[in-house]
Amino acid sequence: MAKLTSQTVKAMAQELYGYELTDEAAAAVANAAGAMVTHSRRLGSLDLSGVQPPFGYPTLLAEAERIRKRG
């Protein structure tokens, strides 16, 4: 797999968001993204059957109920 470089991160940040990143910040983003991609390969072997998506309908209902009770 190709490695995400800090130069690519800087170019994407500029092109997509108009951000100017320092070399250090771009290197940190590239390293974090690389680690995330590496670990994401293991997701297929995990049993995630009971995990709801963070913004799934049941989660939204539970959050709405929590806010209703608080308010």
N, C-alpha and C. Protein backbone atom coordinates (compact mmCIF):
# COMPACT_ATOMS: atom_id res chain seq x y z
N MET A 1 0.84 -1.18 0.00
CA MET A 1 0.00 0.00 0.00
C MET A 1 0.89 1.25 0.00
N ALA A 2 0.50 2.24 -0.75
CA ALA A 2 1.26 3.48 -0.81
C ALA A 2 1.14 4.24 0.52
N LYS A 3 2.21 4.90 0.89
CA LYS A 3 2.24 5.66 2.13
C LYS A 3 1.78 7.09 1.87
N LEU A 4 0.95 7.61 2.75
CA LEU A 4 0.51 8.99 2.67
C LEU A 4 1.65 9.88 3.15
N THR A 5 2.09 10.78 2.30
CA THR A 5 3.22 11.63 2.66
C THR A 5 2.73 12.97 3.20
N SER A 6 3.63 13.64 3.90
CA SER A 6 3.27 14.96 4.43
C SER A 6 3.05 15.96 3.30
N GLN A 7 3.76 15.78 2.18
CA GLN A 7 3.55 16.67 1.04
C GLN A 7 2.14 16.50 0.47
N THR A 8 1.66 15.26 0.43
CA THR A 8 0.30 15.00 -0.04
C THR A 8 -0.72 15.60 0.92
N VAL A 9 -0.48 15.45 2.22
CA VAL A 9 -1.38 16.03 3.22
C VAL A 9 -1.45 17.54 3.06
N LYS A 10 -0.32 18.18 2.89
CA LYS A 10 -0.29 19.64 2.72
C LYS A 10 -1.06 20.06 1.47
N ALA A 11 -0.86 19.33 0.38
CA ALA A 11 -1.54 19.66 -0.87
C ALA A 11 -3.05 19.48 -0.74
N MET A 12 -3.47 18.40 -0.09
CA MET A 12 -4.90 18.16 0.10
C MET A 12 -5.53 19.21 1.00
N ALA A 13 -4.85 19.56 2.08
CA ALA A 13 -5.38 20.58 3.00
C ALA A 13 -5.56 21.91 2.29
N GLN A 14 -4.60 22.25 1.45
CA GLN A 14 -4.68 23.51 0.70
C GLN A 14 -5.79 23.46 -0.34
N GLU A 15 -5.82 22.39 -1.10
CA GLU A 15 -6.79 22.27 -2.20
C GLU A 15 -8.22 22.14 -1.70
N LEU A 16 -8.44 21.31 -0.69
CA LEU A 16 -9.81 21.04 -0.24
C LEU A 16 -10.35 22.08 0.73
N TYR A 17 -9.48 22.60 1.61
CA TYR A 17 -9.96 23.45 2.70
C TYR A 17 -9.32 24.83 2.76
N GLY A 18 -8.30 25.07 1.91
CA GLY A 18 -7.62 26.35 1.95
C GLY A 18 -6.71 26.50 3.17
N TYR A 19 -6.35 25.38 3.81
CA TYR A 19 -5.49 25.41 4.99
C TYR A 19 -4.03 25.37 4.58
N GLU A 20 -3.22 26.11 5.30
CA GLU A 20 -1.78 26.04 5.16
C GLU A 20 -1.23 25.31 6.38
N LEU A 21 -0.68 24.14 6.20
CA LEU A 21 -0.14 23.35 7.30
C LEU A 21 1.37 23.49 7.37
N THR A 22 1.90 23.45 8.59
CA THR A 22 3.35 23.40 8.75
C THR A 22 3.83 22.00 8.38
N ASP A 23 5.11 21.88 8.15
CA ASP A 23 5.68 20.56 7.85
C ASP A 23 5.43 19.59 9.00
N GLU A 24 5.57 20.07 10.23
CA GLU A 24 5.37 19.22 11.41
C GLU A 24 3.92 18.74 11.51
N ALA A 25 2.97 19.65 11.28
CA ALA A 25 1.55 19.28 11.36
C ALA A 25 1.20 18.28 10.26
N ALA A 26 1.71 18.51 9.07
CA ALA A 26 1.42 17.60 7.95
C ALA A 26 2.01 16.22 8.22
N ALA A 27 3.20 16.17 8.80
CA ALA A 27 3.82 14.88 9.13
C ALA A 27 2.99 14.15 10.19
N ALA A 28 2.48 14.88 11.18
CA ALA A 28 1.66 14.27 12.22
C ALA A 28 0.36 13.71 11.64
N VAL A 29 -0.27 14.45 10.75
CA VAL A 29 -1.50 13.98 10.10
C VAL A 29 -1.22 12.74 9.27
N ALA A 30 -0.14 12.76 8.51
CA ALA A 30 0.22 11.62 7.67
C ALA A 30 0.48 10.38 8.52
N ASN A 31 1.17 10.55 9.63
CA ASN A 31 1.44 9.41 10.52
C ASN A 31 0.15 8.88 11.14
N ALA A 32 -0.72 9.76 11.59
CA ALA A 32 -1.98 9.34 12.20
C ALA A 32 -2.86 8.61 11.17
N ALA A 33 -2.93 9.14 9.97
CA ALA A 33 -3.73 8.51 8.92
C ALA A 33 -3.16 7.14 8.58
N GLY A 34 -1.85 7.04 8.52
CA GLY A 34 -1.22 5.75 8.22
C GLY A 34 -1.52 4.72 9.28
N ALA A 35 -1.48 5.13 10.55
CA ALA A 35 -1.79 4.22 11.65
C ALA A 35 -3.24 3.79 11.59
N MET A 36 -4.14 4.72 11.28
CA MET A 36 -5.55 4.40 11.20
C MET A 36 -5.82 3.39 10.08
N VAL A 37 -5.20 3.58 8.94
CA VAL A 37 -5.39 2.66 7.83
C VAL A 37 -4.84 1.28 8.19
N THR A 38 -3.69 1.25 8.84
CA THR A 38 -3.10 -0.02 9.25
C THR A 38 -4.03 -0.78 10.18
N HIS A 39 -4.57 -0.09 11.16
CA HIS A 39 -5.45 -0.75 12.13
C HIS A 39 -6.82 -1.08 11.54
N SER A 40 -7.25 -0.33 10.54
CA SER A 40 -8.58 -0.59 9.95
C SER A 40 -8.62 -1.93 9.23
N ARG A 41 -7.48 -2.46 8.86
CA ARG A 41 -7.45 -3.77 8.20
C ARG A 41 -7.96 -4.86 9.12
N ARG A 42 -7.89 -4.66 10.43
CA ARG A 42 -8.33 -5.66 11.41
C ARG A 42 -9.83 -5.63 11.64
N LEU A 43 -10.53 -4.62 11.18
CA LEU A 43 -11.96 -4.49 11.48
C LEU A 43 -12.77 -5.69 11.01
N GLY A 44 -12.39 -6.27 9.88
CA GLY A 44 -13.13 -7.40 9.36
C GLY A 44 -13.08 -8.63 10.26
N SER A 45 -12.06 -8.72 11.10
CA SER A 45 -11.93 -9.88 11.97
C SER A 45 -12.58 -9.67 13.34
N LEU A 46 -13.09 -8.49 13.61
CA LEU A 46 -13.73 -8.19 14.89
C LEU A 46 -15.23 -8.48 14.82
N ASP A 47 -15.79 -8.94 15.92
CA ASP A 47 -17.23 -9.15 15.99
C ASP A 47 -17.88 -7.83 16.41
N LEU A 48 -18.39 -7.10 15.45
CA LEU A 48 -19.00 -5.80 15.72
C LEU A 48 -20.53 -5.86 15.60
N SER A 49 -21.08 -7.05 15.69
CA SER A 49 -22.51 -7.22 15.46
C SER A 49 -23.38 -6.43 16.44
N GLY A 50 -22.93 -6.21 17.66
CA GLY A 50 -23.74 -5.49 18.62
C GLY A 50 -23.47 -4.00 18.68
N VAL A 51 -22.59 -3.51 17.85
CA VAL A 51 -22.21 -2.09 17.88
C VAL A 51 -23.08 -1.31 16.92
N GLN A 52 -23.71 -0.27 17.44
CA GLN A 52 -24.54 0.60 16.61
C GLN A 52 -23.66 1.68 15.99
N PRO A 53 -24.01 2.14 14.79
CA PRO A 53 -23.30 3.29 14.23
C PRO A 53 -23.47 4.50 15.14
N PRO A 54 -22.50 5.40 15.21
CA PRO A 54 -22.59 6.52 16.15
C PRO A 54 -23.78 7.44 15.91
N PHE A 55 -24.27 7.50 14.67
CA PHE A 55 -25.40 8.36 14.39
C PHE A 55 -26.57 7.55 13.82
N GLY A 56 -26.64 6.27 14.19
CA GLY A 56 -27.75 5.44 13.77
C GLY A 56 -29.04 5.86 14.46
N TYR A 57 -30.15 5.45 13.91
CA TYR A 57 -31.45 5.84 14.44
C TYR A 57 -31.64 5.47 15.91
N PRO A 58 -31.30 4.24 16.34
CA PRO A 58 -31.46 3.92 17.76
C PRO A 58 -30.62 4.82 18.67
N THR A 59 -29.43 5.17 18.21
CA THR A 59 -28.56 6.05 19.00
C THR A 59 -29.17 7.44 19.10
N LEU A 60 -29.70 7.94 17.99
CA LEU A 60 -30.33 9.26 18.00
C LEU A 60 -31.55 9.29 18.92
N LEU A 61 -32.34 8.23 18.91
CA LEU A 61 -33.50 8.15 19.81
C LEU A 61 -33.07 8.14 21.27
N ALA A 62 -32.05 7.36 21.59
CA ALA A 62 -31.57 7.31 22.97
C ALA A 62 -31.04 8.66 23.42
N GLU A 63 -30.34 9.35 22.54
CA GLU A 63 -29.81 10.68 22.89
C GLU A 63 -30.95 11.68 23.06
N ALA A 64 -31.95 11.61 22.21
CA ALA A 64 -33.10 12.51 22.35
C ALA A 64 -33.82 12.27 23.68
N GLU A 65 -33.96 11.02 24.06
CA GLU A 65 -34.60 10.69 25.34
C GLU A 65 -33.77 11.20 26.51
N ARG A 66 -32.46 11.04 26.42
CA ARG A 66 -31.57 11.53 27.49
C ARG A 66 -31.69 13.05 27.63
N ILE A 67 -31.74 13.77 26.52
CA ILE A 67 -31.86 15.23 26.55
C ILE A 67 -33.24 15.63 27.09
N ARG A 68 -34.28 14.90 26.69
CA ARG A 68 -35.64 15.19 27.17
C ARG A 68 -35.73 15.06 28.69
N LYS A 69 -35.14 14.01 29.22
CA LYS A 69 -35.17 13.78 30.67
C LYS A 69 -34.37 14.83 31.42
N ARG A 70 -33.30 15.30 30.83
CA ARG A 70 -32.45 16.29 31.47
C ARG A 70 -33.11 17.67 31.49
N GLY A 71 -33.83 17.99 30.40
CA GLY A 71 -34.34 19.33 30.21
C GLY A 71 -35.60 19.63 30.88
